[in-house]
PDB file of N, CA and C in Angstrom:
ATOM      1  N   MET A   1     -15.024  31.488  -7.090  1.00  0.00           N
ATOM      2  CA  MET A   1     -15.961  31.800  -6.024  1.00  0.00           C
ATOM      3  C   MET A   1     -15.206  32.511  -4.915  1.00  0.00           C
ATOM      4  N   ALA A   2     -15.770  33.544  -4.407  1.00  0.00           N
ATOM      5  CA  ALA A   2     -15.168  34.286  -3.306  1.00  0.00           C
ATOM      6  C   ALA A   2     -15.349  33.526  -2.003  1.00  0.00           C
ATOM      7  N   THR A   3     -14.604  33.956  -0.998  1.00  0.00           N
ATOM      8  CA  THR A   3     -14.766  33.342   0.313  1.00  0.00           C
ATOM      9  C   THR A   3     -16.099  33.761   0.911  1.00  0.00           C
ATOM     10  N   ARG A   4     -16.578  32.978   1.864  1.00  0.00           N
ATOM     11  CA  ARG A   4     -17.833  33.328   2.527  1.00  0.00           C
ATOM     12  C   ARG A   4     -17.654  33.227   4.036  1.00  0.00           C
ATOM     13  N   ASN A   5     -18.265  34.163   4.740  1.00  0.00           N
ATOM     14  CA  ASN A   5     -18.232  34.144   6.194  1.00  0.00           C
ATOM     15  C   ASN A   5     -19.241  33.129   6.703  1.00  0.00           C
ATOM     16  N   VAL A   6     -18.841  32.385   7.722  1.00  0.00           N
ATOM     17  CA  VAL A   6     -19.674  31.320   8.255  1.00  0.00           C
ATOM     18  C   VAL A   6     -19.890  31.556   9.748  1.00  0.00           C
ATOM     19  N   THR A   7     -21.097  31.247  10.188  1.00  0.00           N
ATOM     20  CA  THR A   7     -21.430  31.357  11.607  1.00  0.00           C
ATOM     21  C   THR A   7     -21.669  29.963  12.179  1.00  0.00           C
ATOM     22  N   GLU A   8     -21.777  29.904  13.477  1.00  0.00           N
ATOM     23  CA  GLU A   8     -22.068  28.634  14.135  1.00  0.00           C
ATOM     24  C   GLU A   8     -23.390  28.066  13.625  1.00  0.00           C
ATOM     25  N   ALA A   9     -24.341  28.948  13.319  1.00  0.00           N
ATOM     26  CA  ALA A   9     -25.666  28.526  12.872  1.00  0.00           C
ATOM     27  C   ALA A   9     -25.640  27.801  11.523  1.00  0.00           C
ATOM     28  N   ASP A  10     -24.715  28.165  10.636  1.00  0.00           N
ATOM     29  CA  ASP A  10     -24.716  27.543   9.307  1.00  0.00           C
ATOM     30  C   ASP A  10     -23.490  26.671   9.021  1.00  0.00           C
ATOM     31  N   PHE A  11     -22.611  26.495  10.000  1.00  0.00           N
ATOM     32  CA  PHE A  11     -21.380  25.728   9.790  1.00  0.00           C
ATOM     33  C   PHE A  11     -21.664  24.271   9.427  1.00  0.00           C
ATOM     34  N   ALA A  12     -22.454  23.578  10.239  1.00  0.00           N
ATOM     35  CA  ALA A  12     -22.728  22.148  10.009  1.00  0.00           C
ATOM     36  C   ALA A  12     -23.391  21.930   8.654  1.00  0.00           C
ATOM     37  N   GLN A  13     -24.331  22.785   8.310  1.00  0.00           N
ATOM     38  CA  GLN A  13     -25.024  22.658   7.026  1.00  0.00           C
ATOM     39  C   GLN A  13     -24.039  22.835   5.866  1.00  0.00           C
ATOM     40  N   LEU A  14     -23.121  23.767   6.002  1.00  0.00           N
ATOM     41  CA  LEU A  14     -22.121  23.998   4.959  1.00  0.00           C
ATOM     42  C   LEU A  14     -21.270  22.752   4.743  1.00  0.00           C
ATOM     43  N   ILE A  15     -20.832  22.129   5.839  1.00  0.00           N
ATOM     44  CA  ILE A  15     -20.014  20.920   5.751  1.00  0.00           C
ATOM     45  C   ILE A  15     -20.839  19.768   5.168  1.00  0.00           C
ATOM     46  N   ASP A  16     -22.088  19.635   5.604  1.00  0.00           N
ATOM     47  CA  ASP A  16     -22.951  18.541   5.149  1.00  0.00           C
ATOM     48  C   ASP A  16     -23.310  18.624   3.669  1.00  0.00           C
ATOM     49  N   GLN A  17     -23.462  19.829   3.154  1.00  0.00           N
ATOM     50  CA  GLN A  17     -24.010  19.990   1.805  1.00  0.00           C
ATOM     51  C   GLN A  17     -22.972  20.237   0.706  1.00  0.00           C
ATOM     52  N   ASN A  18     -21.689  20.215   1.061  1.00  0.00           N
ATOM     53  CA  ASN A  18     -20.654  20.469   0.058  1.00  0.00           C
ATOM     54  C   ASN A  18     -19.565  19.411   0.148  1.00  0.00           C
ATOM     55  N   GLU A  19     -19.049  19.014  -1.009  1.00  0.00           N
ATOM     56  CA  GLU A  19     -18.061  17.936  -1.034  1.00  0.00           C
ATOM     57  C   GLU A  19     -16.751  18.354  -0.371  1.00  0.00           C
ATOM     58  N   ILE A  20     -16.252  19.549  -0.719  1.00  0.00           N
ATOM     59  CA  ILE A  20     -14.985  20.019  -0.158  1.00  0.00           C
ATOM     60  C   ILE A  20     -15.179  21.427   0.396  1.00  0.00           C
ATOM     61  N   VAL A  21     -14.808  21.585   1.666  1.00  0.00           N
ATOM     62  CA  VAL A  21     -14.910  22.887   2.327  1.00  0.00           C
ATOM     63  C   VAL A  21     -13.600  23.167   3.052  1.00  0.00           C
ATOM     64  N   LEU A  22     -12.988  24.301   2.747  1.00  0.00           N
ATOM     65  CA  LEU A  22     -11.848  24.790   3.513  1.00  0.00           C
ATOM     66  C   LEU A  22     -12.368  25.867   4.453  1.00  0.00           C
ATOM     67  N   VAL A  23     -11.850  25.885   5.675  1.00  0.00           N
ATOM     68  CA  VAL A  23     -12.298  26.855   6.663  1.00  0.00           C
ATOM     69  C   VAL A  23     -11.081  27.545   7.268  1.00  0.00           C
ATOM     70  N   ASP A  24     -11.072  28.865   7.160  1.00  0.00           N
ATOM     71  CA  ASP A  24     -10.024  29.691   7.744  1.00  0.00           C
ATOM     72  C   ASP A  24     -10.571  30.305   9.028  1.00  0.00           C
ATOM     73  N   PHE A  25     -10.002  29.913  10.169  1.00  0.00           N
ATOM     74  CA  PHE A  25     -10.362  30.508  11.459  1.00  0.00           C
ATOM     75  C   PHE A  25      -9.411  31.675  11.683  1.00  0.00           C
ATOM     76  N   TRP A  26      -9.951  32.874  11.878  1.00  0.00           N
ATOM     77  CA  TRP A  26      -9.149  34.097  11.930  1.00  0.00           C
ATOM     78  C   TRP A  26      -9.744  35.087  12.930  1.00  0.00           C
ATOM     79  N   ALA A  27      -9.022  36.178  13.148  1.00  0.00           N
ATOM     80  CA  ALA A  27      -9.527  37.294  13.955  1.00  0.00           C
ATOM     81  C   ALA A  27      -8.959  38.587  13.386  1.00  0.00           C
ATOM     82  N   ASP A  28      -9.699  39.663  13.573  1.00  0.00           N
ATOM     83  CA  ASP A  28      -9.323  40.963  13.020  1.00  0.00           C
ATOM     84  C   ASP A  28      -8.015  41.494  13.599  1.00  0.00           C
ATOM     85  N   TRP A  29      -7.704  41.159  14.845  1.00  0.00           N
ATOM     86  CA  TRP A  29      -6.506  41.661  15.503  1.00  0.00           C
ATOM     87  C   TRP A  29      -5.252  40.856  15.160  1.00  0.00           C
ATOM     88  N   CYS A  30      -5.401  39.783  14.409  1.00  0.00           N
ATOM     89  CA  CYS A  30      -4.309  38.839  14.123  1.00  0.00           C
ATOM     90  C   CYS A  30      -3.554  39.238  12.855  1.00  0.00           C
ATOM     91  N   GLY A  31      -2.302  39.666  13.009  1.00  0.00           N
ATOM     92  CA  GLY A  31      -1.477  40.068  11.863  1.00  0.00           C
ATOM     93  C   GLY A  31      -1.316  38.975  10.813  1.00  0.00           C
ATOM     94  N   PRO A  32      -0.892  37.753  11.205  1.00  0.00           N
ATOM     95  CA  PRO A  32      -0.755  36.688  10.207  1.00  0.00           C
ATOM     96  C   PRO A  32      -2.075  36.372   9.498  1.00  0.00           C
ATOM     97  N   CYS A  33      -3.198  36.524  10.223  1.00  0.00           N
ATOM     98  CA  CYS A  33      -4.514  36.289   9.607  1.00  0.00           C
ATOM     99  C   CYS A  33      -4.743  37.297   8.483  1.00  0.00           C
ATOM    100  N   LYS A  34      -4.401  38.545   8.743  1.00  0.00           N
ATOM    101  CA  LYS A  34      -4.591  39.599   7.742  1.00  0.00           C
ATOM    102  C   LYS A  34      -3.680  39.382   6.536  1.00  0.00           C
ATOM    103  N   GLN A  35      -2.479  38.860   6.773  1.00  0.00           N
ATOM    104  CA  GLN A  35      -1.566  38.567   5.663  1.00  0.00           C
ATOM    105  C   GLN A  35      -2.060  37.391   4.831  1.00  0.00           C
ATOM    106  N   PHE A  36      -2.687  36.414   5.491  1.00  0.00           N
ATOM    107  CA  PHE A  36      -3.166  35.216   4.809  1.00  0.00           C
ATOM    108  C   PHE A  36      -4.447  35.465   4.022  1.00  0.00           C
ATOM    109  N   ALA A  37      -5.264  36.416   4.456  1.00  0.00           N
ATOM    110  CA  ALA A  37      -6.580  36.657   3.844  1.00  0.00           C
ATOM    111  C   ALA A  37      -6.524  36.852   2.320  1.00  0.00           C
ATOM    112  N   PRO A  38      -5.632  37.711   1.774  1.00  0.00           N
ATOM    113  CA  PRO A  38      -5.623  37.869   0.313  1.00  0.00           C
ATOM    114  C   PRO A  38      -5.175  36.608  -0.425  1.00  0.00           C
ATOM    115  N   VAL A  39      -4.298  35.825   0.188  1.00  0.00           N
ATOM    116  CA  VAL A  39      -3.864  34.557  -0.418  1.00  0.00           C
ATOM    117  C   VAL A  39      -5.052  33.602  -0.494  1.00  0.00           C
ATOM    118  N   TYR A  40      -5.789  33.507   0.600  1.00  0.00           N
ATOM    119  CA  TYR A  40      -6.962  32.631   0.681  1.00  0.00           C
ATOM    120  C   TYR A  40      -7.996  33.050  -0.367  1.00  0.00           C
ATOM    121  N   GLU A  41      -8.226  34.338  -0.468  1.00  0.00           N
ATOM    122  CA  GLU A  41      -9.179  34.875  -1.450  1.00  0.00           C
ATOM    123  C   GLU A  41      -8.717  34.556  -2.880  1.00  0.00           C
ATOM    124  N   GLN A  42      -7.438  34.748  -3.146  1.00  0.00           N
ATOM    125  CA  GLN A  42      -6.879  34.495  -4.487  1.00  0.00           C
ATOM    126  C   GLN A  42      -7.054  33.029  -4.896  1.00  0.00           C
ATOM    127  N   ILE A  43      -6.729  32.120  -3.996  1.00  0.00           N
ATOM    128  CA  ILE A  43      -6.835  30.696  -4.319  1.00  0.00           C
ATOM    129  C   ILE A  43      -8.304  30.274  -4.427  1.00  0.00           C
ATOM    130  N   SER A  44      -9.185  30.928  -3.674  1.00  0.00           N
ATOM    131  CA  SER A  44     -10.616  30.595  -3.756  1.00  0.00           C
ATOM    132  C   SER A  44     -11.148  30.868  -5.164  1.00  0.00           C
ATOM    133  N   GLU A  45     -10.597  31.850  -5.825  1.00  0.00           N
ATOM    134  CA  GLU A  45     -11.047  32.180  -7.182  1.00  0.00           C
ATOM    135  C   GLU A  45     -10.525  31.182  -8.207  1.00  0.00           C
ATOM    136  N   LYS A  46      -9.475  30.472  -7.872  1.00  0.00           N
ATOM    137  CA  LYS A  46      -8.889  29.481  -8.773  1.00  0.00           C
ATOM    138  C   LYS A  46      -9.631  28.140  -8.706  1.00  0.00           C
ATOM    139  N   PHE A  47     -10.181  27.817  -7.527  1.00  0.00           N
ATOM    140  CA  PHE A  47     -10.869  26.534  -7.315  1.00  0.00           C
ATOM    141  C   PHE A  47     -12.348  26.802  -7.056  1.00  0.00           C
ATOM    142  N   THR A  48     -13.101  27.009  -8.115  1.00  0.00           N
ATOM    143  CA  THR A  48     -14.510  27.386  -7.974  1.00  0.00           C
ATOM    144  C   THR A  48     -15.393  26.221  -7.517  1.00  0.00           C
ATOM    145  N   ASP A  49     -14.858  25.012  -7.547  1.00  0.00           N
ATOM    146  CA  ASP A  49     -15.627  23.840  -7.105  1.00  0.00           C
ATOM    147  C   ASP A  49     -15.422  23.538  -5.621  1.00  0.00           C
ATOM    148  N   VAL A  50     -14.652  24.368  -4.939  1.00  0.00           N
ATOM    149  CA  VAL A  50     -14.368  24.190  -3.514  1.00  0.00           C
ATOM    150  C   VAL A  50     -14.950  25.384  -2.757  1.00  0.00           C
ATOM    151  N   ILE A  51     -15.538  25.120  -1.592  1.00  0.00           N
ATOM    152  CA  ILE A  51     -16.058  26.197  -0.748  1.00  0.00           C
ATOM    153  C   ILE A  51     -14.933  26.685   0.159  1.00  0.00           C
ATOM    154  N   PHE A  52     -14.673  27.985   0.136  1.00  0.00           N
ATOM    155  CA  PHE A  52     -13.677  28.620   0.997  1.00  0.00           C
ATOM    156  C   PHE A  52     -14.425  29.461   2.023  1.00  0.00           C
ATOM    157  N   ALA A  53     -14.486  28.959   3.253  1.00  0.00           N
ATOM    158  CA  ALA A  53     -15.230  29.626   4.314  1.00  0.00           C
ATOM    159  C   ALA A  53     -14.267  30.308   5.280  1.00  0.00           C
ATOM    160  N   LYS A  54     -14.782  31.325   5.960  1.00  0.00           N
ATOM    161  CA  LYS A  54     -14.013  32.045   6.971  1.00  0.00           C
ATOM    162  C   LYS A  54     -14.841  32.134   8.243  1.00  0.00           C
ATOM    163  N   VAL A  55     -14.186  31.876   9.386  1.00  0.00           N
ATOM    164  CA  VAL A  55     -14.847  31.978  10.676  1.00  0.00           C
ATOM    165  C   VAL A  55     -14.088  33.002  11.514  1.00  0.00           C
ATOM    166  N   ASP A  56     -14.774  34.075  11.862  1.00  0.00           N
ATOM    167  CA  ASP A  56     -14.219  35.101  12.747  1.00  0.00           C
ATOM    168  C   ASP A  56     -14.298  34.557  14.168  1.00  0.00           C
ATOM    169  N   THR A  57     -13.140  34.218  14.745  1.00  0.00           N
ATOM    170  CA  THR A  57     -13.121  33.568  16.057  1.00  0.00           C
ATOM    171  C   THR A  57     -13.595  34.488  17.181  1.00  0.00           C
ATOM    172  N   GLU A  58     -13.548  35.794  16.954  1.00  0.00           N
ATOM    173  CA  GLU A  58     -14.064  36.729  17.965  1.00  0.00           C
ATOM    174  C   GLU A  58     -15.595  36.727  17.966  1.00  0.00           C
ATOM    175  N   ALA A  59     -16.187  36.737  16.787  1.00  0.00           N
ATOM    176  CA  ALA A  59     -17.646  36.759  16.670  1.00  0.00           C
ATOM    177  C   ALA A  59     -18.254  35.379  16.909  1.00  0.00           C
ATOM    178  N   GLU A  60     -17.499  34.343  16.616  1.00  0.00           N
ATOM    179  CA  GLU A  60     -18.007  32.961  16.706  1.00  0.00           C
ATOM    180  C   GLU A  60     -17.180  32.155  17.703  1.00  0.00           C
ATOM    181  N   GLN A  61     -17.142  32.622  18.935  1.00  0.00           N
ATOM    182  CA  GLN A  61     -16.305  31.974  19.955  1.00  0.00           C
ATOM    183  C   GLN A  61     -16.748  30.545  20.251  1.00  0.00           C
ATOM    184  N   GLY A  62     -18.036  30.291  20.220  1.00  0.00           N
ATOM    185  CA  GLY A  62     -18.541  28.935  20.466  1.00  0.00           C
ATOM    186  C   GLY A  62     -18.071  27.967  19.392  1.00  0.00           C
ATOM    187  N   LEU A  63     -18.112  28.401  18.156  1.00  0.00           N
ATOM    188  CA  LEU A  63     -17.662  27.572  17.040  1.00  0.00           C
ATOM    189  C   LEU A  63     -16.152  27.348  17.128  1.00  0.00           C
ATOM    190  N   ALA A  64     -15.410  28.381  17.467  1.00  0.00           N
ATOM    191  CA  ALA A  64     -13.956  28.248  17.622  1.00  0.00           C
ATOM    192  C   ALA A  64     -13.626  27.258  18.738  1.00  0.00           C
ATOM    193  N   ARG A  65     -14.370  27.321  19.845  1.00  0.00           N
ATOM    194  CA  ARG A  65     -14.165  26.369  20.948  1.00  0.00           C
ATOM    195  C   ARG A  65     -14.497  24.951  20.493  1.00  0.00           C
ATOM    196  N   ALA A  66     -15.613  24.799  19.810  1.00  0.00           N
ATOM    197  CA  ALA A  66     -16.034  23.469  19.347  1.00  0.00           C
ATOM    198  C   ALA A  66     -15.010  22.864  18.390  1.00  0.00           C
ATOM    199  N   ALA A  67     -14.332  23.715  17.627  1.00  0.00           N
ATOM    200  CA  ALA A  67     -13.315  23.251  16.674  1.00  0.00           C
ATOM    201  C   ALA A  67     -11.930  23.136  17.316  1.00  0.00           C
ATOM    202  N   ASN A  68     -11.854  23.400  18.621  1.00  0.00           N
ATOM    203  CA  ASN A  68     -10.587  23.330  19.360  1.00  0.00           C
ATOM    204  C   ASN A  68      -9.515  24.244  18.789  1.00  0.00           C
ATOM    205  N   ILE A  69      -9.912  25.453  18.419  1.00  0.00           N
ATOM    206  CA  ILE A  69      -8.962  26.419  17.874  1.00  0.00           C
ATOM    207  C   ILE A  69      -8.180  27.030  19.031  1.00  0.00           C
ATOM    208  N   THR A  70      -6.865  26.836  19.022  1.00  0.00           N
ATOM    209  CA  THR A  70      -6.008  27.389  20.060  1.00  0.00           C
ATOM    210  C   THR A  70      -5.004  28.385  19.495  1.00  0.00           C
ATOM    211  N   SER A  71      -4.902  28.444  18.173  1.00  0.00           N
ATOM    212  CA  SER A  71      -3.966  29.340  17.510  1.00  0.00           C
ATOM    213  C   SER A  71      -4.592  29.767  16.186  1.00  0.00           C
ATOM    214  N   ILE A  72      -4.395  31.035  15.824  1.00  0.00           N
ATOM    215  CA  ILE A  72      -4.927  31.496  14.543  1.00  0.00           C
ATOM    216  C   ILE A  72      -3.832  32.179  13.748  1.00  0.00           C
ATOM    217  N   PRO A  73      -3.922  32.129  12.437  1.00  0.00           N
ATOM    218  CA  PRO A  73      -4.968  31.445  11.676  1.00  0.00           C
ATOM    219  C   PRO A  73      -4.820  29.926  11.790  1.00  0.00           C
ATOM    220  N   THR A  74      -5.944  29.246  11.743  1.00  0.00           N
ATOM    221  CA  THR A  74      -5.971  27.793  11.620  1.00  0.00           C
ATOM    222  C   THR A  74      -6.798  27.474  10.392  1.00  0.00           C
ATOM    223  N   LEU A  75      -6.273  26.581   9.577  1.00  0.00           N
ATOM    224  CA  LEU A  75      -6.964  26.170   8.359  1.00  0.00           C
ATOM    225  C   LEU A  75      -7.412  24.724   8.515  1.00  0.00           C
ATOM    226  N   MET A  76      -8.675  24.473   8.214  1.00  0.00           N
ATOM    227  CA  MET A  76      -9.218  23.119   8.220  1.00  0.00           C
ATOM    228  C   MET A  76      -9.760  22.800   6.838  1.00  0.00           C
ATOM    229  N   ALA A  77      -9.679  21.530   6.474  1.00  0.00           N
ATOM    230  CA  ALA A  77     -10.256  21.075   5.213  1.00  0.00           C
ATOM    231  C   ALA A  77     -11.154  19.880   5.501  1.00  0.00           C
ATOM    232  N   PHE A  78     -12.364  19.944   4.966  1.00  0.00           N
ATOM    233  CA  PHE A  78     -13.337  18.867   5.083  1.00  0.00           C
ATOM    234  C   PHE A  78     -13.618  18.320   3.694  1.00  0.00           C
ATOM    235  N   ARG A  79     -13.701  17.006   3.595  1.00  0.00           N
ATOM    236  CA  ARG A  79     -14.082  16.368   2.338  1.00  0.00           C
ATOM    237  C   ARG A  79     -15.099  15.304   2.676  1.00  0.00           C
ATOM    238  N   GLU A  80     -16.249  15.379   2.029  1.00  0.00           N
ATOM    239  CA  GLU A  80     -17.356  14.436   2.273  1.00  0.00           C
ATOM    240  C   GLU A  80     -17.638  14.329   3.772  1.00  0.00           C
ATOM    241  N   LYS A  81     -17.732  15.480   4.430  1.00  0.00           N
ATOM    242  CA  LYS A  81     -18.093  15.613   5.851  1.00  0.00           C
ATOM    243  C   LYS A  81     -17.014  15.133   6.809  1.00  0.00           C
ATOM    244  N   VAL A  82     -15.818  14.819   6.319  1.00  0.00           N
ATOM    245  CA  VAL A  82     -14.732  14.308   7.147  1.00  0.00           C
ATOM    246  C   VAL A  82     -13.625  15.365   7.223  1.00  0.00           C
ATOM    247  N   LEU A  83     -13.161  15.651   8.434  1.00  0.00           N
ATOM    248  CA  LEU A  83     -12.028  16.551   8.607  1.00  0.00           C
ATOM    249  C   LEU A  83     -10.779  15.819   8.141  1.00  0.00           C
ATOM    250  N   VAL A  84     -10.157  16.314   7.056  1.00  0.00           N
ATOM    251  CA  VAL A  84      -8.990  15.641   6.493  1.00  0.00           C
ATOM    252  C   VAL A  84      -7.704  16.443   6.684  1.00  0.00           C
ATOM    253  N   PHE A  85      -7.826  17.688   7.178  1.00  0.00           N
ATOM    254  CA  PHE A  85      -6.642  18.524   7.401  1.00  0.00           C
ATOM    255  C   PHE A  85      -6.982  19.580   8.432  1.00  0.00           C
ATOM    256  N   SER A  86      -6.065  19.811   9.358  1.00  0.00           N
ATOM    257  CA  SER A  86      -6.207  20.891  10.328  1.00  0.00           C
ATOM    258  C   SER A  86      -4.820  21.305  10.774  1.00  0.00           C
ATOM    259  N   GLN A  87      -4.509  22.598  10.555  1.00  0.00           N
ATOM    260  CA  GLN A  87      -3.172  23.066  10.907  1.00  0.00           C
ATOM    261  C   GLN A  87      -3.187  24.561  11.175  1.00  0.00           C
ATOM    262  N   PRO A  88      -2.573  24.988  12.278  1.00  0.00           N
ATOM    263  CA  PRO A  88      -2.435  26.425  12.510  1.00  0.00           C
ATOM    264  C   PRO A  88      -1.315  26.992  11.659  1.00  0.00           C
ATOM    265  N   GLY A  89      -1.407  28.284  11.379  1.00  0.00           N
ATOM    266  CA  GLY A  89      -0.358  28.966  10.628  1.00  0.00           C
ATOM    267  C   GLY A  89      -0.820  29.321   9.231  1.00  0.00           C
ATOM    268  N   ALA A  90      -0.294  30.430   8.745  1.00  0.00           N
ATOM    269  CA  ALA A  90      -0.632  30.894   7.400  1.00  0.00           C
ATOM    270  C   ALA A  90       0.181  30.122   6.363  1.00  0.00           C
ATOM    271  N   LEU A  91      -0.421  29.884   5.227  1.00  0.00           N
ATOM    272  CA  LEU A  91       0.251  29.242   4.101  1.00  0.00           C
ATOM    273  C   LEU A  91       0.480  30.277   3.013  1.00  0.00           C
ATOM    274  N   ASN A  92       1.486  30.044   2.185  1.00  0.00           N
ATOM    275  CA  ASN A  92       1.629  30.902   1.004  1.00  0.00           C
ATOM    276  C   ASN A  92       0.749  30.328  -0.107  1.00  0.00           C
ATOM    277  N   ALA A  93       0.673  31.035  -1.222  1.00  0.00           N
ATOM    278  CA  ALA A  93      -0.236  30.634  -2.302  1.00  0.00           C
ATOM    279  C   ALA A  93       0.077  29.237  -2.834  1.00  0.00           C
ATOM    280  N   ALA A  94       1.345  28.928  -3.033  1.00  0.00           N
ATOM    281  CA  ALA A  94       1.725  27.618  -3.562  1.00  0.00           C
ATOM    282  C   ALA A  94       1.347  26.503  -2.586  1.00  0.00           C
ATOM    283  N   GLN A  95       1.577  26.733  -1.290  1.00  0.00           N
ATOM    284  CA  GLN A  95       1.228  25.726  -0.285  1.00  0.00           C
ATOM    285  C   GLN A  95      -0.281  25.505  -0.226  1.00  0.00           C
ATOM    286  N   LEU A  96      -1.049  26.592  -0.280  1.00  0.00           N
ATOM    287  CA  LEU A  96      -2.508  26.467  -0.225  1.00  0.00           C
ATOM    288  C   LEU A  96      -3.029  25.764  -1.475  1.00  0.00           C
ATOM    289  N   GLU A  97      -2.472  26.099  -2.614  1.00  0.00           N
ATOM    290  CA  GLU A  97      -2.885  25.434  -3.857  1.00  0.00           C
ATOM    291  C   GLU A  97      -2.562  23.938  -3.800  1.00  0.00           C
ATOM    292  N   ASP A  98      -1.377  23.598  -3.275  1.00  0.00           N
ATOM    293  CA  ASP A  98      -0.993  22.191  -3.124  1.00  0.00           C
ATOM    294  C   ASP A  98      -1.944  21.469  -2.168  1.00  0.00           C
ATOM    295  N   LEU A  99      -2.346  22.158  -1.099  1.00  0.00           N
ATOM    296  CA  LEU A  99      -3.267  21.561  -0.137  1.00  0.00           C
ATOM    297  C   LEU A  99      -4.609  21.248  -0.793  1.00  0.00           C
ATOM    298  N   VAL A 100      -5.152  22.205  -1.534  1.00  0.00           N
ATOM    299  CA  VAL A 100      -6.441  21.985  -2.196  1.00  0.00           C
ATOM    300  C   VAL A 100      -6.328  20.811  -3.170  1.00  0.00           C
ATOM    301  N   THR A 101      -5.254  20.767  -3.927  1.00  0.00           N
ATOM    302  CA  THR A 101      -5.043  19.672  -4.875  1.00  0.00           C
ATOM    303  C   THR A 101      -4.937  18.337  -4.146  1.00  0.00           C
ATOM    304  N   ALA A 102      -4.230  18.323  -3.015  1.00  0.00           N
ATOM    305  CA  ALA A 102      -4.091  17.090  -2.232  1.00  0.00           C
ATOM    306  C   ALA A 102      -5.436  16.636  -1.672  1.00  0.00           C
ATOM    307  N   VAL A 103      -6.230  17.570  -1.157  1.00  0.00           N
ATOM    308  CA  VAL A 103      -7.553  17.220  -0.613  1.00  0.00           C
ATOM    309  C   VAL A 103      -8.432  16.652  -1.719  1.00  0.00           C
ATOM    310  N   LYS A 104      -8.364  17.244  -2.905  1.00  0.00           N
ATOM    311  CA  LYS A 104      -9.163  16.742  -4.030  1.00  0.00           C
ATOM    312  C   LYS A 104      -8.723  15.341  -4.440  1.00  0.00           C
ATOM    313  N   GLY A 105      -7.451  15.003  -4.194  1.00  0.00           N
ATOM    314  CA  GLY A 105      -6.906  13.716  -4.623  1.00  0.00           C
ATOM    315  C   GLY A 105      -7.064  12.592  -3.619  1.00  0.00           C
ATOM    316  N   ILE A 106      -7.613  12.878  -2.448  1.00  0.00           N
ATOM    317  CA  ILE A 106      -7.761  11.843  -1.419  1.00  0.00           C
ATOM    318  C   ILE A 106      -8.756  10.773  -1.881  1.00  0.00           C
ATOM    319  N   ASP A 107      -8.380   9.517  -1.675  1.00  0.00           N
ATOM    320  CA  ASP A 107      -9.289   8.402  -1.957  1.00  0.00           C
ATOM    321  C   ASP A 107     -10.248   8.281  -0.780  1.00  0.00           C
ATOM    322  N   MET A 108     -11.420   8.869  -0.920  1.00  0.00           N
ATOM    323  CA  MET A 108     -12.361   8.924   0.196  1.00  0.00           C
ATOM    324  C   MET A 108     -12.976   7.566   0.519  1.00  0.00           C
ATOM    325  N   SER A 109     -13.022   6.644  -0.428  1.00  0.00           N
ATOM    326  CA  SER A 109     -13.559   5.318  -0.105  1.00  0.00           C
ATOM    327  C   SER A 109     -12.651   4.653   0.931  1.00  0.00           C
ATOM    328  N   GLU A 110     -11.344   4.876   0.811  1.00  0.00           N
ATOM    329  CA  GLU A 110     -10.388   4.356   1.784  1.00  0.00           C
ATOM    330  C   GLU A 110     -10.586   5.028   3.148  1.00  0.00           C
ATOM    331  N   VAL A 111     -10.779   6.337   3.147  1.00  0.00           N
ATOM    332  CA  VAL A 111     -10.984   7.089   4.388  1.00  0.00           C
ATOM    333  C   VAL A 111     -12.257   6.624   5.083  1.00  0.00           C
ATOM    334  N   HIS A 112     -13.348   6.502   4.332  1.00  0.00           N
ATOM    335  CA  HIS A 112     -14.614   6.064   4.925  1.00  0.00           C
ATOM    336  C   HIS A 112     -14.501   4.636   5.468  1.00  0.00           C
ATOM    337  N   ALA A 113     -13.760   3.774   4.771  1.00  0.00           N
ATOM    338  CA  ALA A 113     -13.559   2.401   5.248  1.00  0.00           C
ATOM    339  C   ALA A 113     -12.780   2.408   6.553  1.00  0.00           C
ATOM    340  N   GLN A 114     -11.759   3.244   6.649  1.00  0.00           N
ATOM    341  CA  GLN A 114     -10.956   3.333   7.867  1.00  0.00           C
ATOM    342  C   GLN A 114     -11.812   3.848   9.038  1.00  0.00           C
ATOM    343  N   ILE A 115     -12.647   4.842   8.771  1.00  0.00           N
ATOM    344  CA  ILE A 115     -13.530   5.387   9.814  1.00  0.00           C
ATOM    345  C   ILE A 115     -14.500   4.309  10.297  1.00  0.00           C
ATOM    346  N   ALA A 116     -15.067   3.548   9.362  1.00  0.00           N
ATOM    347  CA  ALA A 116     -15.999   2.482   9.720  1.00  0.00           C
ATOM    348  C   ALA A 116     -15.300   1.407  10.545  1.00  0.00           C
ATOM    349  N   GLU A 117     -14.073   1.089  10.174  1.00  0.00           N
ATOM    350  CA  GLU A 117     -13.295   0.086  10.896  1.00  0.00           C
ATOM    351  C   GLU A 117     -13.009   0.562  12.339  1.00  0.00           C
ATOM    352  N   GLU A 118     -12.622   1.819  12.474  1.00  0.00           N
ATOM    353  CA  GLU A 118     -12.361   2.379  13.799  1.00  0.00           C
ATOM    354  C   GLU A 118     -13.635   2.404  14.642  1.00  0.00           C
ATOM    355  N   ALA A 119     -14.747   2.740  14.017  1.00  0.00           N
ATOM    356  CA  ALA A 119     -16.021   2.790  14.737  1.00  0.00           C
ATOM    357  C   ALA A 119     -16.437   1.401  15.206  1.00  0.00           C
ATOM    358  N   SER A 120     -16.245   0.397  14.385  1.00  0.00           N
ATOM    359  CA  SER A 120     -16.615  -0.962  14.781  1.00  0.00           C
ATOM    360  C   SER A 120     -15.680  -1.478  15.873  1.00  0.00           C
ATOM    361  N   GLY A 121     -14.436  -1.078  15.840  1.00  0.00           N
ATOM    362  CA  GLY A 121     -13.480  -1.455  16.893  1.00  0.00           C
ATOM    363  C   GLY A 121     -13.836  -0.826  18.215  1.00  0.00           C
ATOM    364  N   GLN A 122     -14.327   0.411  18.195  1.00  0.00           N
ATOM    365  CA  GLN A 122     -14.731   1.101  19.418  1.00  0.00           C
ATOM    366  C   GLN A 122     -16.025   0.495  19.969  1.00  0.00           C
ATOM    367  N   ALA A 123     -16.884   0.033  19.088  1.00  0.00           N
ATOM    368  CA  ALA A 123     -18.152  -0.551  19.535  1.00  0.00           C
ATOM    369  C   ALA A 123     -17.894  -1.857  20.284  1.00  0.00           C
ATOM    370  N   GLU A 124     -16.845  -2.573  19.890  1.00  0.00           N
ATOM    371  CA  GLU A 124     -16.502  -3.852  20.529  1.00  0.00           C
ATOM    372  C   GLU A 124     -15.828  -3.632  21.868  1.00  0.00           C
ATOM    373  N   ALA A 125     -15.177  -2.500  22.041  1.00  0.00           N
ATOM    374  CA  ALA A 125     -14.384  -2.255  23.255  1.00  0.00           C
ATOM    375  C   ALA A 125     -15.228  -1.998  24.474  1.00  0.00           C
TER     376      ALA A 125
END
């Protein structure tokens, strides 16, 4: 599956309706972003069960602000609606492939239990 451009209007729906979503926050003027783009596209074709989204931070400034993007490229990974990875900087193909494999291997029942535990602790505070 090729990468897809995402806007603020469809971002939440994309995260809600797909098990695993990677999001590349980029801008046209960003050299490292341009270098990372073909790597991101290449790996997206290898993992057809994962959504590879791209957010143009110039066109989608509100979404970039909401995601606290301070440096680009920034890559985020969501699994079952939970942000499980966020890091600025371009990755090479091997690193990106390892990241996708790691995200697929996360025990989400453990993650959801931890989130529920944190939420109940905050409710008591």
